[in-house]
Amino acid sequence: MTQKVSEMAVKPVEKITRERLRAMRNGDTITTQCADGYDMDSQKNTAYAMQKMENCRFACKSDGLQLSVTRYGAS
């Protein structure tokens, strides 16, 4: 039995913006390097606020000051 493993492409960006979040498809992940904790919180809040407007779910994961946002289907 063979198992197919698919890797999602991670696209590095400067900022998490509404336009970038709207352009994402389900399963896409974007990553950014934040300047500080305040910048990270601001970008997370942008993603979480877009959930209602786009009728989907964005999951945010951080590793230090690196933030990754993944889009999932309807919540």
PDB file of N, CA and C in Angstrom:
ATOM      1  N   MET A   1       0.847  -1.172   0.000  1.00  0.00           N
ATOM      2  CA  MET A   1       0.000   0.000   0.000  1.00  0.00           C
ATOM      3  C   MET A   1       0.897   1.241   0.000  1.00  0.00           C
ATOM      4  N   THR A   2       0.691   2.108  -0.951  1.00  0.00           N
ATOM      5  CA  THR A   2       1.472   3.344  -1.015  1.00  0.00           C
ATOM      6  C   THR A   2       0.633   4.491  -0.494  1.00  0.00           C
ATOM      7  N   GLN A   3       1.296   5.413   0.139  1.00  0.00           N
ATOM      8  CA  GLN A   3       0.610   6.562   0.697  1.00  0.00           C
ATOM      9  C   GLN A   3       1.147   7.819   0.031  1.00  0.00           C
ATOM     10  N   LYS A   4       0.244   8.616  -0.507  1.00  0.00           N
ATOM     11  CA  LYS A   4       0.639   9.848  -1.178  1.00  0.00           C
ATOM     12  C   LYS A   4       0.727  10.973  -0.150  1.00  0.00           C
ATOM     13  N   VAL A   5       1.856  11.639  -0.119  1.00  0.00           N
ATOM     14  CA  VAL A   5       2.060  12.749   0.806  1.00  0.00           C
ATOM     15  C   VAL A   5       2.102  14.027  -0.013  1.00  0.00           C
ATOM     16  N   SER A   6       1.210  14.942   0.311  1.00  0.00           N
ATOM     17  CA  SER A   6       1.206  16.221  -0.403  1.00  0.00           C
ATOM     18  C   SER A   6       1.711  17.307   0.533  1.00  0.00           C
ATOM     19  N   GLU A   7       2.568  18.152   0.008  1.00  0.00           N
ATOM     20  CA  GLU A   7       3.114  19.254   0.785  1.00  0.00           C
ATOM     21  C   GLU A   7       2.476  20.548   0.322  1.00  0.00           C
ATOM     22  N   MET A   8       2.040  21.338   1.301  1.00  0.00           N
ATOM     23  CA  MET A   8       1.478  22.636   0.971  1.00  0.00           C
ATOM     24  C   MET A   8       2.619  23.619   0.755  1.00  0.00           C
ATOM     25  N   ALA A   9       2.482  24.434  -0.253  1.00  0.00           N
ATOM     26  CA  ALA A   9       3.508  25.441  -0.526  1.00  0.00           C
ATOM     27  C   ALA A   9       3.397  26.564   0.498  1.00  0.00           C
ATOM     28  N   VAL A  10       4.494  26.924   1.104  1.00  0.00           N
ATOM     29  CA  VAL A  10       4.533  28.016   2.065  1.00  0.00           C
ATOM     30  C   VAL A  10       5.161  29.205   1.365  1.00  0.00           C
ATOM     31  N   LYS A  11       4.389  30.285   1.275  1.00  0.00           N
ATOM     32  CA  LYS A  11       4.852  31.472   0.570  1.00  0.00           C
ATOM     33  C   LYS A  11       5.275  32.536   1.581  1.00  0.00           C
ATOM     34  N   PRO A  12       6.535  32.944   1.611  1.00  0.00           N
ATOM     35  CA  PRO A  12       6.949  34.008   2.529  1.00  0.00           C
ATOM     36  C   PRO A  12       6.472  35.373   2.025  1.00  0.00           C
ATOM     37  N   VAL A  13       5.889  36.175   2.905  1.00  0.00           N
ATOM     38  CA  VAL A  13       5.391  37.506   2.555  1.00  0.00           C
ATOM     39  C   VAL A  13       5.869  38.501   3.607  1.00  0.00           C
ATOM     40  N   GLU A  14       5.755  39.792   3.290  1.00  0.00           N
ATOM     41  CA  GLU A  14       6.178  40.822   4.234  1.00  0.00           C
ATOM     42  C   GLU A  14       5.134  41.067   5.315  1.00  0.00           C
ATOM     43  N   LYS A  15       3.867  41.101   4.938  1.00  0.00           N
ATOM     44  CA  LYS A  15       2.780  41.386   5.873  1.00  0.00           C
ATOM     45  C   LYS A  15       1.580  40.514   5.544  1.00  0.00           C
ATOM     46  N   ILE A  16       0.774  40.211   6.561  1.00  0.00           N
ATOM     47  CA  ILE A  16      -0.497  39.524   6.363  1.00  0.00           C
ATOM     48  C   ILE A  16      -1.526  40.624   6.113  1.00  0.00           C
ATOM     49  N   THR A  17      -1.996  40.761   4.883  1.00  0.00           N
ATOM     50  CA  THR A  17      -2.947  41.811   4.539  1.00  0.00           C
ATOM     51  C   THR A  17      -4.267  41.203   4.105  1.00  0.00           C
ATOM     52  N   ARG A  18      -5.303  42.020   4.073  1.00  0.00           N
ATOM     53  CA  ARG A  18      -6.622  41.553   3.628  1.00  0.00           C
ATOM     54  C   ARG A  18      -6.565  41.011   2.207  1.00  0.00           C
ATOM     55  N   GLU A  19      -5.819  41.690   1.340  1.00  0.00           N
ATOM     56  CA  GLU A  19      -5.731  41.263  -0.057  1.00  0.00           C
ATOM     57  C   GLU A  19      -5.081  39.887  -0.167  1.00  0.00           C
ATOM     58  N   ARG A  20      -4.014  39.673   0.588  1.00  0.00           N
ATOM     59  CA  ARG A  20      -3.338  38.361   0.553  1.00  0.00           C
ATOM     60  C   ARG A  20      -4.241  37.272   1.116  1.00  0.00           C
ATOM     61  N   LEU A  21      -4.979  37.580   2.182  1.00  0.00           N
ATOM     62  CA  LEU A  21      -5.878  36.589   2.769  1.00  0.00           C
ATOM     63  C   LEU A  21      -7.018  36.251   1.816  1.00  0.00           C
ATOM     64  N   ARG A  22      -7.533  37.253   1.105  1.00  0.00           N
ATOM     65  CA  ARG A  22      -8.609  37.001   0.135  1.00  0.00           C
ATOM     66  C   ARG A  22      -8.130  36.151  -1.033  1.00  0.00           C
ATOM     67  N   ALA A  23      -6.867  36.305  -1.418  1.00  0.00           N
ATOM     68  CA  ALA A  23      -6.320  35.569  -2.563  1.00  0.00           C
ATOM     69  C   ALA A  23      -6.010  34.108  -2.233  1.00  0.00           C
ATOM     70  N   MET A  24      -5.994  33.760  -0.957  1.00  0.00           N
ATOM     71  CA  MET A  24      -5.665  32.390  -0.564  1.00  0.00           C
ATOM     72  C   MET A  24      -6.798  31.426  -0.896  1.00  0.00           C
ATOM     73  N   ARG A  25      -6.433  30.188  -1.174  1.00  0.00           N
ATOM     74  CA  ARG A  25      -7.398  29.109  -1.365  1.00  0.00           C
ATOM     75  C   ARG A  25      -7.285  28.171  -0.168  1.00  0.00           C
ATOM     76  N   ASN A  26      -8.285  27.319   0.014  1.00  0.00           N
ATOM     77  CA  ASN A  26      -8.267  26.380   1.133  1.00  0.00           C
ATOM     78  C   ASN A  26      -6.994  25.543   1.105  1.00  0.00           C
ATOM     79  N   GLY A  27      -6.326  25.461   2.249  1.00  0.00           N
ATOM     80  CA  GLY A  27      -5.093  24.690   2.364  1.00  0.00           C
ATOM     81  C   GLY A  27      -3.831  25.498   2.139  1.00  0.00           C
ATOM     82  N   ASP A  28      -3.944  26.717   1.614  1.00  0.00           N
ATOM     83  CA  ASP A  28      -2.766  27.563   1.395  1.00  0.00           C
ATOM     84  C   ASP A  28      -2.226  28.078   2.729  1.00  0.00           C
ATOM     85  N   THR A  29      -0.922  28.247   2.790  1.00  0.00           N
ATOM     86  CA  THR A  29      -0.255  28.792   3.976  1.00  0.00           C
ATOM     87  C   THR A  29       0.662  29.925   3.549  1.00  0.00           C
ATOM     88  N   ILE A  30       0.614  31.034   4.292  1.00  0.00           N
ATOM     89  CA  ILE A  30       1.559  32.121   4.069  1.00  0.00           C
ATOM     90  C   ILE A  30       2.321  32.359   5.370  1.00  0.00           C
ATOM     91  N   THR A  31       3.565  32.760   5.246  1.00  0.00           N
ATOM     92  CA  THR A  31       4.441  32.952   6.398  1.00  0.00           C
ATOM     93  C   THR A  31       5.075  34.334   6.328  1.00  0.00           C
ATOM     94  N   THR A  32       5.222  34.964   7.487  1.00  0.00           N
ATOM     95  CA  THR A  32       5.861  36.272   7.557  1.00  0.00           C
ATOM     96  C   THR A  32       6.736  36.355   8.800  1.00  0.00           C
ATOM     97  N   GLN A  33       7.723  37.225   8.751  1.00  0.00           N
ATOM     98  CA  GLN A  33       8.582  37.497   9.902  1.00  0.00           C
ATOM     99  C   GLN A  33       8.105  38.810  10.511  1.00  0.00           C
ATOM    100  N   CYS A  34       7.636  38.774  11.755  1.00  0.00           N
ATOM    101  CA  CYS A  34       7.109  39.960  12.420  1.00  0.00           C
ATOM    102  C   CYS A  34       8.237  40.749  13.084  1.00  0.00           C
ATOM    103  N   ALA A  35       8.031  42.056  13.200  1.00  0.00           N
ATOM    104  CA  ALA A  35       9.038  42.929  13.804  1.00  0.00           C
ATOM    105  C   ALA A  35       9.089  42.762  15.320  1.00  0.00           C
ATOM    106  N   ASP A  36       7.911  42.610  15.942  1.00  0.00           N
ATOM    107  CA  ASP A  36       7.836  42.452  17.395  1.00  0.00           C
ATOM    108  C   ASP A  36       6.500  41.804  17.756  1.00  0.00           C
ATOM    109  N   GLY A  37       6.246  41.642  19.048  1.00  0.00           N
ATOM    110  CA  GLY A  37       5.011  41.003  19.498  1.00  0.00           C
ATOM    111  C   GLY A  37       3.768  41.785  19.117  1.00  0.00           C
ATOM    112  N   TYR A  38       3.849  43.108  19.161  1.00  0.00           N
ATOM    113  CA  TYR A  38       2.704  43.940  18.787  1.00  0.00           C
ATOM    114  C   TYR A  38       2.356  43.734  17.317  1.00  0.00           C
ATOM    115  N   ASP A  39       3.372  43.692  16.454  1.00  0.00           N
ATOM    116  CA  ASP A  39       3.167  43.471  15.019  1.00  0.00           C
ATOM    117  C   ASP A  39       2.522  42.104  14.786  1.00  0.00           C
ATOM    118  N   MET A  40       2.964  41.085  15.523  1.00  0.00           N
ATOM    119  CA  MET A  40       2.404  39.746  15.374  1.00  0.00           C
ATOM    120  C   MET A  40       0.929  39.729  15.773  1.00  0.00           C
ATOM    121  N   ASP A  41       0.601  40.348  16.910  1.00  0.00           N
ATOM    122  CA  ASP A  41      -0.790  40.402  17.353  1.00  0.00           C
ATOM    123  C   ASP A  41      -1.663  41.121  16.340  1.00  0.00           C
ATOM    124  N   SER A  42      -1.152  42.198  15.772  1.00  0.00           N
ATOM    125  CA  SER A  42      -1.891  42.957  14.770  1.00  0.00           C
ATOM    126  C   SER A  42      -2.191  42.104  13.539  1.00  0.00           C
ATOM    127  N   GLN A  43      -1.207  41.343  13.077  1.00  0.00           N
ATOM    128  CA  GLN A  43      -1.401  40.513  11.890  1.00  0.00           C
ATOM    129  C   GLN A  43      -2.324  39.328  12.177  1.00  0.00           C
ATOM    130  N   LYS A  44      -2.240  38.765  13.385  1.00  0.00           N
ATOM    131  CA  LYS A  44      -3.167  37.701  13.781  1.00  0.00           C
ATOM    132  C   LYS A  44      -4.596  38.232  13.798  1.00  0.00           C
ATOM    133  N   ASN A  45      -4.781  39.425  14.367  1.00  0.00           N
ATOM    134  CA  ASN A  45      -6.115  40.026  14.437  1.00  0.00           C
ATOM    135  C   ASN A  45      -6.684  40.268  13.049  1.00  0.00           C
ATOM    136  N   THR A  46      -5.837  40.647  12.098  1.00  0.00           N
ATOM    137  CA  THR A  46      -6.291  40.824  10.716  1.00  0.00           C
ATOM    138  C   THR A  46      -6.833  39.512  10.172  1.00  0.00           C
ATOM    139  N   ALA A  47      -6.115  38.421  10.389  1.00  0.00           N
ATOM    140  CA  ALA A  47      -6.551  37.110   9.894  1.00  0.00           C
ATOM    141  C   ALA A  47      -7.850  36.681  10.560  1.00  0.00           C
ATOM    142  N   TYR A  48      -7.943  36.839  11.869  1.00  0.00           N
ATOM    143  CA  TYR A  48      -9.148  36.413  12.575  1.00  0.00           C
ATOM    144  C   TYR A  48     -10.356  37.264  12.188  1.00  0.00           C
ATOM    145  N   ALA A  49     -10.160  38.557  11.940  1.00  0.00           N
ATOM    146  CA  ALA A  49     -11.265  39.423  11.522  1.00  0.00           C
ATOM    147  C   ALA A  49     -11.763  39.055  10.126  1.00  0.00           C
ATOM    148  N   MET A  50     -10.855  38.592   9.265  1.00  0.00           N
ATOM    149  CA  MET A  50     -11.237  38.226   7.894  1.00  0.00           C
ATOM    150  C   MET A  50     -12.063  36.941   7.843  1.00  0.00           C
ATOM    151  N   GLN A  51     -12.039  36.140   8.906  1.00  0.00           N
ATOM    152  CA  GLN A  51     -12.810  34.893   8.921  1.00  0.00           C
ATOM    153  C   GLN A  51     -14.285  35.152   8.650  1.00  0.00           C
ATOM    154  N   LYS A  52     -14.844  36.161   9.298  1.00  0.00           N
ATOM    155  CA  LYS A  52     -16.267  36.458   9.139  1.00  0.00           C
ATOM    156  C   LYS A  52     -16.570  36.997   7.751  1.00  0.00           C
ATOM    157  N   MET A  53     -15.686  37.834   7.226  1.00  0.00           N
ATOM    158  CA  MET A  53     -15.926  38.431   5.908  1.00  0.00           C
ATOM    159  C   MET A  53     -15.783  37.417   4.788  1.00  0.00           C
ATOM    160  N   GLU A  54     -14.859  36.478   4.926  1.00  0.00           N
ATOM    161  CA  GLU A  54     -14.588  35.495   3.874  1.00  0.00           C
ATOM    162  C   GLU A  54     -15.316  34.173   4.096  1.00  0.00           C
ATOM    163  N   ASN A  55     -16.019  34.024   5.219  1.00  0.00           N
ATOM    164  CA  ASN A  55     -16.750  32.803   5.559  1.00  0.00           C
ATOM    165  C   ASN A  55     -15.842  31.572   5.479  1.00  0.00           C
ATOM    166  N   CYS A  56     -14.700  31.657   6.149  1.00  0.00           N
ATOM    167  CA  CYS A  56     -13.750  30.548   6.212  1.00  0.00           C
ATOM    168  C   CYS A  56     -13.033  30.636   7.556  1.00  0.00           C
ATOM    169  N   ARG A  57     -12.024  29.801   7.742  1.00  0.00           N
ATOM    170  CA  ARG A  57     -11.274  29.807   8.995  1.00  0.00           C
ATOM    171  C   ARG A  57      -9.792  29.960   8.694  1.00  0.00           C
ATOM    172  N   PHE A  58      -9.144  30.849   9.426  1.00  0.00           N
ATOM    173  CA  PHE A  58      -7.699  31.034   9.324  1.00  0.00           C
ATOM    174  C   PHE A  58      -7.062  30.570  10.629  1.00  0.00           C
ATOM    175  N   ALA A  59      -6.085  29.690  10.527  1.00  0.00           N
ATOM    176  CA  ALA A  59      -5.351  29.220  11.702  1.00  0.00           C
ATOM    177  C   ALA A  59      -3.987  29.894  11.721  1.00  0.00           C
ATOM    178  N   CYS A  60      -3.635  30.472  12.865  1.00  0.00           N
ATOM    179  CA  CYS A  60      -2.351  31.158  13.016  1.00  0.00           C
ATOM    180  C   CYS A  60      -1.443  30.346  13.928  1.00  0.00           C
ATOM    181  N   LYS A  61      -0.206  30.151  13.488  1.00  0.00           N
ATOM    182  CA  LYS A  61       0.805  29.467  14.297  1.00  0.00           C
ATOM    183  C   LYS A  61       2.042  30.345  14.313  1.00  0.00           C
ATOM    184  N   SER A  62       2.663  30.438  15.484  1.00  0.00           N
ATOM    185  CA  SER A  62       3.868  31.262  15.572  1.00  0.00           C
ATOM    186  C   SER A  62       5.025  30.445  16.128  1.00  0.00           C
ATOM    187  N   ASP A  63       6.199  30.786  15.646  1.00  0.00           N
ATOM    188  CA  ASP A  63       7.450  30.198  16.119  1.00  0.00           C
ATOM    189  C   ASP A  63       8.408  31.365  16.314  1.00  0.00           C
ATOM    190  N   GLY A  64       8.524  31.825  17.549  1.00  0.00           N
ATOM    191  CA  GLY A  64       9.281  33.044  17.795  1.00  0.00           C
ATOM    192  C   GLY A  64       8.509  34.212  17.202  1.00  0.00           C
ATOM    193  N   LEU A  65       9.147  34.954  16.301  1.00  0.00           N
ATOM    194  CA  LEU A  65       8.464  36.060  15.627  1.00  0.00           C
ATOM    195  C   LEU A  65       8.050  35.693  14.203  1.00  0.00           C
ATOM    196  N   GLN A  66       8.088  34.413  13.870  1.00  0.00           N
ATOM    197  CA  GLN A  66       7.636  33.962  12.552  1.00  0.00           C
ATOM    198  C   GLN A  66       6.184  33.512  12.677  1.00  0.00           C
ATOM    199  N   LEU A  67       5.316  34.074  11.851  1.00  0.00           N
ATOM    200  CA  LEU A  67       3.885  33.786  11.892  1.00  0.00           C
ATOM    201  C   LEU A  67       3.460  33.086  10.610  1.00  0.00           C
ATOM    202  N   SER A  68       2.741  31.967  10.748  1.00  0.00           N
ATOM    203  CA  SER A  68       2.195  31.239   9.600  1.00  0.00           C
ATOM    204  C   SER A  68       0.682  31.251   9.699  1.00  0.00           C
ATOM    205  N   VAL A  69       0.016  31.570   8.594  1.00  0.00           N
ATOM    206  CA  VAL A  69      -1.441  31.598   8.544  1.00  0.00           C
ATOM    207  C   VAL A  69      -1.892  30.616   7.475  1.00  0.00           C
ATOM    208  N   THR A  70      -2.799  29.704   7.856  1.00  0.00           N
ATOM    209  CA  THR A  70      -3.333  28.700   6.941  1.00  0.00           C
ATOM    210  C   THR A  70      -4.828  28.902   6.814  1.00  0.00           C
ATOM    211  N   ARG A  71      -5.332  28.811   5.582  1.00  0.00           N
ATOM    212  CA  ARG A  71      -6.764  28.961   5.339  1.00  0.00           C
ATOM    213  C   ARG A  71      -7.418  27.589   5.255  1.00  0.00           C
ATOM    214  N   TYR A  72      -8.562  27.456   5.916  1.00  0.00           N
ATOM    215  CA  TYR A  72      -9.362  26.240   5.871  1.00  0.00           C
ATOM    216  C   TYR A  72     -10.755  26.588   5.368  1.00  0.00           C
ATOM    217  N   GLY A  73     -11.554  25.582   5.054  1.00  0.00           N
ATOM    218  CA  GLY A  73     -12.900  25.779   4.516  1.00  0.00           C
ATOM    219  C   GLY A  73     -13.830  26.481   5.482  1.00  0.00           C
ATOM    220  N   ALA A  74     -15.110  26.510   5.114  1.00  0.00           N
ATOM    221  CA  ALA A  74     -16.124  27.209   5.906  1.00  0.00           C
ATOM    222  C   ALA A  74     -16.110  26.723   7.344  1.00  0.00           C
ATOM    223  N   SER A  75     -16.267  27.675   8.250  1.00  0.00           N
ATOM    224  CA  SER A  75     -16.207  27.326   9.676  1.00  0.00           C
ATOM    225  C   SER A  75     -17.512  26.776  10.185  1.00  0.00           C
TER     226      SER A  75
END
